[in-house]
Amino acid sequence: MILLLMGLTILVPLVLGMPIAMALGLSGILWLVLLDPNLLQGASIGMWNTASNDVLISIPLFILMGEIIQRAGVATRFYNAVAWWVRGVPGGLLHANIAACAVFSAVCGSSIATAASIGKAAIPNLLRLGYPQRAVFGSMAAGGTLGILIPPSIPLIIYAALTEASLGRLFLAAIVPGVVITLIFHSYIFVSAFRAPKPPELPEAERQSVLSSLSEIVPLTGIIATILGGIYYVGATTNEVAGIGIVMSLLVAAAKKQLNWTLIREAVLSTAHVTAMLIFIVMGAQIFSFAVFSWGINQEVADWITGISMSRIWILLIIVGIYVLLGMFIDAISMMVLTLSVVYPVIIGLKYDPIWFGIILVLVLEIGLITPPVGLNLFTIQSIDPARIKFMDVTRGALPYVFLLLLGIALLIAFPQIALWLPSTLFS
């Protein structure tokens, strides 16, 4: 009953238009005061400990790295280079949508930024070449979801901060599932291509040489290799590799003759805006989570669920189903920080691996990005050209990828080593 009332104290302000960070924080303060006003001191200590967490400090660094790359126009050139390599594969340039999103997301960490950057480069050309609109919009919206899975991933950073899980293990655990999901997307496009007319290739004038295409691909892949290699082989912290990534992104922008004070100023301002939004949400969630903990609700829920006569796999599937439903109405980050205080003790009580569950959770968050009515990637794709791109076309084009992501979740549940093999191998 208390949990339901707590939920209402968040839901009502949200319906009235209050920002979710404020709704979470004020609701947490209200319930702490009702229980014991002295608990506010404990909430403030918890907020300070979270805000000073080294893991969270890496968020603005990775965001800044992605902002510099994005504003330097690297995404457009990278997409064109990838398109040259996949032009003869069944499905044509639709494969470039997925491949470019997968790689660009690894230096961006944001699904919306990935979908917007690659979408602006790809959609006008694909429509001009006569590709089916729904196939174009759906592959781009789905490809953008890879931005929150393939490291560095902002949701994984926040998950690590809230659960005290190893960020290095989480990043490593996300690599193979990220590759698997990408290959599933490519396979769907490949098979679908045999049922559709063969699309035209790039005009001769737009084709590149092998060397020129590689010159656009190598910089981004080099940044990715440096980040992952620095964490897993050199033992650098995420903050250190993020700082190195910023330097490398500046060098790439300079090499492309795009580095100037305007780019730096806009990248820094955008980074400050996005970081402030994320941190305020996390802080609000921290207050609310402390209230839930103080009332003992999280442990009660965990004890109740683990005590019912139902197999743990069915409990996990119910949790996944609830997340899929919530994802239709709540954005990914807010949903994660809002629910973890209750769900995480249940997962631990069921003896599931917290690293493995972090990857499952991010995959479920990906589904929320491409399901209406609040699928942010759907709106991002439509906003590229609102006059020509209809929201319903984007939604219908993305629908098959919802089932493909569910297939990816099913594979991870059936074969947990897909996520756990790399961490167990390199951290043994």
Protein backbone atom coordinates (compact mmCIF):
# COMPACT_ATOMS: atom_id res chain seq x y z
CA MET A 1 0.00 0.00 0.00
CA ILE A 2 2.82 2.40 0.91
CA LEU A 3 4.59 1.63 -2.38
CA LEU A 4 1.40 2.44 -4.30
CA LEU A 5 1.02 5.75 -2.47
CA MET A 6 4.69 6.52 -3.15
CA GLY A 7 4.08 5.86 -6.82
CA LEU A 8 1.12 8.23 -6.83
CA THR A 9 3.17 11.03 -5.26
CA ILE A 10 5.45 10.74 -8.30
CA LEU A 11 2.83 10.09 -10.96
CA VAL A 12 0.52 12.98 -10.10
CA PRO A 13 3.24 15.69 -10.31
CA LEU A 14 4.48 14.16 -13.58
CA VAL A 15 0.98 14.35 -15.07
CA LEU A 16 0.82 18.00 -13.96
CA GLY A 17 4.03 18.70 -15.86
CA MET A 18 6.65 18.66 -13.11
CA PRO A 19 10.15 17.54 -14.22
CA ILE A 20 10.84 13.97 -13.17
CA ALA A 21 13.95 14.91 -11.18
CA MET A 22 11.90 17.29 -9.03
CA ALA A 23 9.02 14.82 -8.71
CA LEU A 24 11.37 12.09 -7.48
CA GLY A 25 13.21 14.37 -5.07
CA LEU A 26 10.14 16.02 -3.55
CA SER A 27 8.34 12.69 -3.20
CA GLY A 28 11.36 11.21 -1.42
CA ILE A 29 11.60 14.19 0.93
CA LEU A 30 7.88 13.96 1.73
CA TRP A 31 8.06 10.30 2.70
CA LEU A 32 11.25 10.77 4.71
CA VAL A 33 9.64 13.60 6.70
CA LEU A 34 6.55 11.46 7.34
CA LEU A 35 8.76 8.64 8.67
CA ASP A 36 11.43 10.65 10.53
CA PRO A 37 12.70 14.15 9.59
CA ASN A 38 16.14 13.22 10.89
CA LEU A 39 16.48 10.85 7.93
CA LEU A 40 16.95 13.87 5.66
CA GLN A 41 20.54 13.99 6.86
CA GLY A 42 21.07 10.42 5.64
CA ALA A 43 19.53 11.33 2.28
CA SER A 44 21.91 14.27 1.92
CA ILE A 45 24.90 12.03 2.67
CA GLY A 46 23.66 9.54 0.09
CA MET A 47 23.29 12.31 -2.49
CA TRP A 48 26.82 13.54 -1.81
CA ASN A 49 28.27 10.04 -2.09
CA THR A 50 26.50 9.50 -5.40
CA ALA A 51 27.41 12.92 -6.80
CA SER A 52 31.09 12.40 -5.95
CA ASN A 53 31.13 8.90 -7.42
CA ASP A 54 34.09 8.56 -9.79
CA VAL A 55 31.92 6.57 -12.19
CA LEU A 56 29.45 9.44 -12.66
CA ILE A 57 32.28 11.89 -13.31
CA SER A 58 32.96 10.07 -16.56
CA ILE A 59 29.50 10.96 -17.92
CA PRO A 60 30.27 14.57 -18.97
CA LEU A 61 33.63 13.45 -20.38
CA PHE A 62 32.09 10.82 -22.66
CA ILE A 63 29.28 13.19 -23.63
CA LEU A 64 31.79 15.90 -24.54
CA MET A 65 33.75 13.43 -26.65
CA GLY A 66 30.61 12.51 -28.56
CA GLU A 67 29.56 16.16 -28.96
CA ILE A 68 32.91 17.07 -30.52
CA ILE A 69 32.76 14.14 -32.94
CA GLN A 70 29.16 14.90 -33.82
CA ARG A 71 29.68 18.62 -34.43
CA ALA A 72 32.82 18.03 -36.47
CA GLY A 73 30.70 16.39 -39.16
CA VAL A 74 32.47 13.07 -38.72
CA ALA A 75 29.17 11.15 -38.70
CA THR A 76 28.29 12.11 -42.27
CA ARG A 77 31.68 11.16 -43.66
CA PHE A 78 31.76 7.97 -41.63
CA TYR A 79 28.32 6.95 -42.90
CA ASN A 80 29.30 7.56 -46.51
CA ALA A 81 32.44 5.47 -46.02
CA VAL A 82 30.48 2.57 -44.52
CA ALA A 83 27.91 2.85 -47.32
CA TRP A 84 30.66 2.34 -49.89
CA TRP A 85 31.62 -0.98 -48.29
CA VAL A 86 28.09 -2.44 -48.06
CA ARG A 87 26.69 -1.13 -51.34
CA GLY A 88 26.63 -4.58 -52.99
CA VAL A 89 25.16 -6.56 -50.06
CA PRO A 90 21.47 -7.56 -50.28
CA GLY A 91 19.70 -4.78 -48.40
CA GLY A 92 22.20 -2.24 -49.71
CA LEU A 93 22.61 0.95 -47.77
CA LEU A 94 20.20 -0.15 -45.03
CA HIS A 95 23.13 -2.15 -43.70
CA ALA A 96 25.09 1.09 -43.53
CA ASN A 97 22.42 2.51 -41.20
CA ILE A 98 22.97 -0.29 -38.69
CA ALA A 99 26.76 -0.52 -39.04
CA ALA A 100 27.29 3.24 -38.85
CA CYS A 101 25.01 3.52 -35.80
CA ALA A 102 26.79 0.64 -34.07
CA VAL A 103 30.24 2.20 -34.48
CA PHE A 104 29.21 5.83 -33.96
CA SER A 105 27.32 4.92 -30.80
CA ALA A 106 30.55 3.56 -29.35
CA VAL A 107 32.02 7.06 -29.31
CA CYS A 108 28.76 8.84 -28.58
CA GLY A 109 27.05 6.85 -25.82
CA SER A 110 23.65 8.33 -26.65
CA SER A 111 20.88 6.74 -28.70
CA ILE A 112 19.24 10.03 -29.59
CA ALA A 113 22.51 11.63 -30.71
CA THR A 114 23.38 8.52 -32.74
CA ALA A 115 20.00 8.38 -34.47
CA ALA A 116 20.05 12.12 -35.17
CA SER A 117 23.63 12.27 -36.44
CA ILE A 118 23.52 9.22 -38.70
CA GLY A 119 19.90 9.91 -39.68
CA LYS A 120 20.69 13.39 -40.98
CA ALA A 121 23.49 11.92 -43.08
CA ALA A 122 21.58 8.90 -44.39
CA ILE A 123 17.85 9.54 -44.72
CA PRO A 124 17.87 12.23 -47.45
CA ASN A 125 20.13 10.12 -49.70
CA LEU A 126 18.24 6.89 -49.09
CA LEU A 127 14.91 8.50 -49.90
CA ARG A 128 16.43 10.09 -53.02
CA LEU A 129 17.66 6.67 -54.14
CA GLY A 130 14.19 5.18 -53.74
CA TYR A 131 14.60 2.97 -50.67
CA PRO A 132 11.30 2.00 -48.94
CA GLN A 133 10.52 4.70 -46.41
CA ARG A 134 9.50 2.43 -43.55
CA ALA A 135 12.60 0.29 -43.98
CA VAL A 136 14.80 3.40 -43.89
CA PHE A 137 13.13 4.97 -40.86
CA GLY A 138 12.86 1.71 -38.92
CA SER A 139 16.48 0.68 -39.45
CA MET A 140 17.68 4.13 -38.44
CA ALA A 141 15.54 4.31 -35.29
CA ALA A 142 16.56 0.78 -34.28
CA GLY A 143 20.21 1.35 -35.11
CA GLY A 144 20.18 4.37 -32.83
CA THR A 145 19.17 2.19 -29.87
CA LEU A 146 22.63 0.62 -29.98
CA GLY A 147 23.90 3.89 -28.51
CA ILE A 148 22.88 2.87 -24.99
CA LEU A 149 24.30 -0.66 -25.21
CA ILE A 150 27.67 -0.56 -26.94
CA PRO A 151 30.23 1.01 -24.56
CA PRO A 152 30.75 3.69 -23.51
CA SER A 153 27.07 3.61 -22.53
CA ILE A 154 25.58 6.35 -20.35
CA PRO A 155 22.85 4.05 -18.89
CA LEU A 156 25.50 1.47 -17.96
CA ILE A 157 27.50 4.19 -16.21
CA ILE A 158 24.45 5.23 -14.19
CA TYR A 159 23.59 1.57 -13.47
CA ALA A 160 27.12 1.03 -12.14
CA ALA A 161 26.86 4.12 -9.93
CA LEU A 162 23.48 3.15 -8.48
CA THR A 163 24.27 -0.53 -7.89
CA GLU A 164 28.03 -0.30 -7.22
CA ALA A 165 28.61 -2.85 -9.98
CA SER A 166 31.96 -2.83 -11.80
CA LEU A 167 31.75 -0.46 -14.75
CA GLY A 168 34.68 -2.22 -16.43
CA ARG A 169 32.84 -5.54 -16.27
CA LEU A 170 29.62 -3.92 -17.50
CA PHE A 171 31.37 -2.37 -20.49
CA LEU A 172 33.03 -5.68 -21.29
CA ALA A 173 29.77 -7.59 -20.84
CA ALA A 174 28.02 -5.28 -23.34
CA ILE A 175 30.44 -5.92 -26.22
CA VAL A 176 29.31 -9.40 -27.34
CA PRO A 177 25.56 -8.68 -26.87
CA GLY A 178 26.07 -5.45 -28.82
CA VAL A 179 27.67 -7.41 -31.66
CA VAL A 180 24.95 -10.08 -31.49
CA ILE A 181 22.11 -7.52 -31.66
CA THR A 182 23.85 -5.74 -34.54
CA LEU A 183 24.19 -9.02 -36.45
CA ILE A 184 20.52 -9.84 -35.79
CA PHE A 185 19.56 -6.49 -37.29
CA HIS A 186 21.81 -7.09 -40.31
CA SER A 187 20.37 -10.59 -40.78
CA TYR A 188 16.81 -9.24 -40.77
CA ILE A 189 17.70 -6.65 -43.42
CA PHE A 190 19.54 -9.28 -45.48
CA VAL A 191 16.59 -11.70 -45.46
CA SER A 192 14.03 -8.93 -46.07
CA ALA A 193 16.00 -7.76 -49.11
CA PHE A 194 15.06 -10.91 -51.04
CA ARG A 195 11.39 -9.98 -50.83
CA ALA A 196 11.86 -6.42 -52.09
CA PRO A 197 13.11 -4.97 -55.39
CA LYS A 198 16.86 -4.43 -55.48
CA PRO A 199 17.51 -0.77 -54.58
CA PRO A 200 19.88 1.31 -56.68
CA GLU A 201 23.50 1.68 -55.71
CA LEU A 202 25.28 4.93 -55.00
CA PRO A 203 25.81 7.07 -58.10
CA GLU A 204 29.29 6.83 -59.51
CA ALA A 205 30.18 10.34 -58.36
CA GLU A 206 29.43 9.41 -54.73
CA ARG A 207 31.63 6.33 -54.64
CA GLN A 208 34.95 6.43 -52.88
CA SER A 209 38.25 4.66 -53.10
CA VAL A 210 39.27 2.06 -50.54
CA LEU A 211 41.86 4.39 -49.01
CA SER A 212 39.53 7.38 -48.76
CA SER A 213 36.80 5.29 -47.12
CA LEU A 214 39.27 3.83 -44.64
CA SER A 215 40.48 7.33 -43.77
CA GLU A 216 36.95 8.09 -42.52
CA ILE A 217 36.49 4.78 -40.70
CA VAL A 218 39.83 4.45 -38.91
CA PRO A 219 39.57 7.55 -36.63
CA LEU A 220 36.35 6.42 -34.93
CA THR A 221 37.42 2.80 -34.63
CA GLY A 222 40.74 4.02 -33.24
CA ILE A 223 38.98 5.98 -30.50
CA ILE A 224 36.87 2.92 -29.62
CA ALA A 225 39.92 0.66 -29.49
CA THR A 226 41.74 3.16 -27.28
CA ILE A 227 38.85 3.39 -24.80
CA LEU A 228 38.27 -0.34 -24.49
CA GLY A 229 41.94 -1.26 -24.65
CA GLY A 230 42.78 1.36 -22.03
CA ILE A 231 40.24 -0.09 -19.59
CA TYR A 232 40.86 -3.77 -20.11
CA TYR A 233 44.53 -4.05 -21.01
CA VAL A 234 46.22 -0.98 -19.52
CA GLY A 235 44.06 -0.79 -16.41
CA ALA A 236 43.14 2.87 -16.89
CA THR A 237 40.05 4.25 -15.19
CA THR A 238 36.99 5.27 -17.19
CA ASN A 239 37.75 8.92 -16.42
CA GLU A 240 41.28 8.56 -17.80
CA VAL A 241 40.20 6.89 -21.05
CA ALA A 242 37.36 9.40 -21.43
CA GLY A 243 39.90 12.24 -21.15
CA ILE A 244 42.09 10.57 -23.76
CA GLY A 245 39.00 10.14 -25.95
CA ILE A 246 38.33 13.88 -25.76
CA VAL A 247 41.88 14.65 -26.89
CA MET A 248 41.56 12.16 -29.75
CA SER A 249 38.22 13.63 -30.81
CA LEU A 250 39.78 17.11 -30.88
CA LEU A 251 42.60 15.77 -33.03
CA VAL A 252 40.08 14.18 -35.41
CA ALA A 253 38.15 17.45 -35.64
CA ALA A 254 41.40 19.31 -36.30
CA ALA A 255 42.43 16.80 -38.98
CA LYS A 256 39.07 17.35 -40.70
CA LYS A 257 39.61 21.14 -40.44
CA GLN A 258 36.49 21.55 -38.32
CA LEU A 259 38.08 22.51 -35.01
CA ASN A 260 37.28 26.07 -33.94
CA TRP A 261 36.11 27.98 -30.89
CA THR A 262 32.48 27.84 -32.01
CA LEU A 263 32.56 24.04 -32.10
CA ILE A 264 34.20 23.86 -28.67
CA ARG A 265 31.78 26.34 -27.11
CA GLU A 266 28.69 24.59 -28.51
CA ALA A 267 30.01 21.16 -27.51
CA VAL A 268 30.74 22.31 -23.94
CA LEU A 269 27.34 24.03 -23.55
CA SER A 270 25.47 20.99 -24.86
CA THR A 271 27.50 18.72 -22.58
CA ALA A 272 26.65 20.89 -19.56
CA HIS A 273 22.96 20.84 -20.46
CA VAL A 274 22.74 17.06 -20.92
CA THR A 275 24.90 16.31 -17.87
CA ALA A 276 22.88 18.59 -15.60
CA MET A 277 19.66 16.90 -16.72
CA LEU A 278 21.05 13.42 -16.06
CA ILE A 279 22.64 14.26 -12.71
CA PHE A 280 19.48 15.95 -11.40
CA ILE A 281 17.48 12.84 -12.32
CA VAL A 282 20.01 10.63 -10.54
CA MET A 283 20.00 12.87 -7.46
CA GLY A 284 16.21 12.90 -7.32
CA ALA A 285 16.16 9.14 -7.69
CA GLN A 286 18.74 8.83 -4.91
CA ILE A 287 16.47 10.70 -2.48
CA PHE A 288 13.46 8.60 -3.48
CA SER A 289 15.47 5.37 -3.24
CA PHE A 290 16.63 6.31 0.25
CA ALA A 291 13.01 6.86 1.25
CA VAL A 292 12.04 3.45 -0.16
CA PHE A 293 14.95 1.88 1.72
CA SER A 294 14.11 3.70 4.95
CA TRP A 295 10.53 2.46 4.87
CA GLY A 296 11.89 -1.05 4.24
CA ILE A 297 9.76 -1.45 1.13
CA ASN A 298 12.51 -2.71 -1.16
CA GLN A 299 13.39 -5.57 1.17
CA GLU A 300 9.73 -6.40 1.77
CA VAL A 301 9.11 -6.61 -1.97
CA ALA A 302 12.25 -8.70 -2.45
CA ASP A 303 11.27 -11.09 0.35
CA TRP A 304 7.71 -11.37 -0.97
CA ILE A 305 8.73 -12.08 -4.55
CA THR A 306 11.47 -14.55 -3.67
CA GLY A 307 9.07 -16.32 -1.31
CA ILE A 308 6.25 -16.94 -3.78
CA SER A 309 5.91 -20.37 -5.37
CA MET A 310 7.04 -19.37 -8.84
CA SER A 311 10.26 -20.22 -10.64
CA ARG A 312 12.79 -17.42 -10.80
CA ILE A 313 12.73 -17.44 -14.61
CA TRP A 314 9.03 -16.54 -14.58
CA ILE A 315 9.68 -13.76 -12.09
CA LEU A 316 12.42 -12.43 -14.38
CA LEU A 317 10.08 -12.55 -17.38
CA ILE A 318 7.43 -10.65 -15.43
CA ILE A 319 10.02 -7.98 -14.53
CA VAL A 320 11.05 -7.72 -18.20
CA GLY A 321 7.41 -7.44 -19.25
CA ILE A 322 6.77 -4.66 -16.75
CA TYR A 323 9.83 -2.80 -18.03
CA VAL A 324 8.64 -3.14 -21.63
CA LEU A 325 5.25 -1.72 -20.63
CA LEU A 326 6.77 1.14 -18.61
CA GLY A 327 9.13 1.94 -21.48
CA MET A 328 6.16 2.96 -23.60
CA PHE A 329 5.46 5.85 -21.24
CA ILE A 330 8.72 6.73 -19.41
CA ASP A 331 12.09 7.62 -20.91
CA ALA A 332 14.93 5.13 -20.48
CA ILE A 333 17.09 6.85 -17.85
CA SER A 334 14.15 7.92 -15.70
CA MET A 335 12.65 4.44 -15.78
CA MET A 336 15.93 2.84 -14.73
CA VAL A 337 16.69 5.12 -11.79
CA LEU A 338 13.05 5.07 -10.70
CA THR A 339 12.79 1.29 -10.45
CA LEU A 340 16.25 0.00 -9.53
CA SER A 341 15.82 0.56 -5.79
CA VAL A 342 12.99 -2.01 -5.79
CA VAL A 343 14.00 -4.31 -8.65
CA TYR A 344 17.72 -4.70 -7.88
CA PRO A 345 17.23 -6.37 -4.44
CA VAL A 346 14.81 -8.79 -6.12
CA ILE A 347 17.40 -9.69 -8.76
CA ILE A 348 20.05 -10.25 -6.09
CA GLY A 349 17.59 -12.26 -3.99
CA LEU A 350 16.92 -14.50 -7.00
CA LYS A 351 20.71 -14.98 -7.29
CA TYR A 352 20.98 -13.52 -10.79
CA ASP A 353 24.30 -12.01 -11.80
CA PRO A 354 24.05 -8.17 -11.46
CA ILE A 355 26.38 -7.63 -14.45
CA TRP A 356 24.22 -9.87 -16.63
CA PHE A 357 21.03 -8.17 -15.46
CA GLY A 358 22.52 -4.76 -16.28
CA ILE A 359 22.81 -5.83 -19.92
CA ILE A 360 19.28 -7.28 -19.91
CA LEU A 361 17.99 -4.02 -18.46
CA VAL A 362 19.68 -1.89 -21.12
CA LEU A 363 18.24 -4.09 -23.87
CA VAL A 364 14.77 -3.57 -22.41
CA LEU A 365 15.44 0.17 -22.29
CA GLU A 366 16.29 -0.01 -26.00
CA ILE A 367 12.81 -1.34 -26.70
CA GLY A 368 11.31 1.68 -24.95
CA LEU A 369 13.20 3.96 -27.33
CA ILE A 370 11.30 2.62 -30.37
CA THR A 371 7.83 1.96 -28.93
CA PRO A 372 5.12 4.65 -28.94
CA PRO A 373 3.84 6.86 -27.51
CA VAL A 374 7.09 8.07 -25.86
CA GLY A 375 9.71 6.36 -28.04
CA LEU A 376 12.34 9.09 -28.21
CA ASN A 377 14.14 7.61 -31.21
CA LEU A 378 10.89 7.62 -33.18
CA PHE A 379 10.46 11.34 -32.59
CA THR A 380 14.15 11.93 -33.30
CA ILE A 381 13.87 10.34 -36.75
CA GLN A 382 10.66 12.20 -37.54
CA SER A 383 12.20 15.53 -36.52
CA ILE A 384 14.89 15.20 -39.21
CA ASP A 385 12.31 16.10 -41.90
CA PRO A 386 8.83 16.51 -40.38
CA ALA A 387 7.28 17.44 -43.73
CA ARG A 388 8.25 14.14 -45.37
CA ILE A 389 8.61 11.75 -42.44
CA LYS A 390 5.38 10.59 -40.83
CA PHE A 391 5.47 9.35 -37.24
CA MET A 392 3.33 6.32 -38.09
CA ASP A 393 5.74 5.29 -40.85
CA VAL A 394 8.64 5.46 -38.40
CA THR A 395 6.69 3.45 -35.83
CA ARG A 396 5.70 0.73 -38.29
CA GLY A 397 9.21 0.56 -39.67
CA ALA A 398 10.65 0.11 -36.17
CA LEU A 399 8.11 -2.53 -35.07
CA PRO A 400 10.06 -5.57 -36.42
CA TYR A 401 13.11 -4.43 -34.46
CA VAL A 402 11.11 -4.55 -31.23
CA PHE A 403 10.70 -8.29 -31.75
CA LEU A 404 14.36 -8.60 -32.74
CA LEU A 405 15.38 -6.96 -29.46
CA LEU A 406 13.06 -9.32 -27.59
CA LEU A 407 14.84 -12.16 -29.41
CA GLY A 408 18.16 -10.76 -28.19
CA ILE A 409 16.84 -10.68 -24.60
CA ALA A 410 15.63 -14.28 -24.95
CA LEU A 411 19.08 -15.35 -26.15
CA LEU A 412 20.73 -13.65 -23.18
CA ILE A 413 18.33 -15.31 -20.76
CA ALA A 414 18.88 -18.72 -22.35
CA PHE A 415 22.64 -18.26 -22.71
CA PRO A 416 23.94 -15.86 -20.01
CA GLN A 417 27.53 -16.47 -21.10
CA ILE A 418 26.88 -14.27 -24.13
CA ALA A 419 27.30 -11.38 -21.69
CA LEU A 420 29.43 -13.02 -19.00
CA TRP A 421 32.10 -14.77 -21.06
CA LEU A 422 34.32 -11.74 -21.72
CA PRO A 423 34.21 -10.37 -18.13
CA SER A 424 34.91 -13.80 -16.66
CA THR A 425 37.78 -14.32 -19.10
CA LEU A 426 39.55 -10.98 -18.75
CA PHE A 427 38.81 -10.41 -15.05
CA SER A 428 39.51 -13.96 -13.88
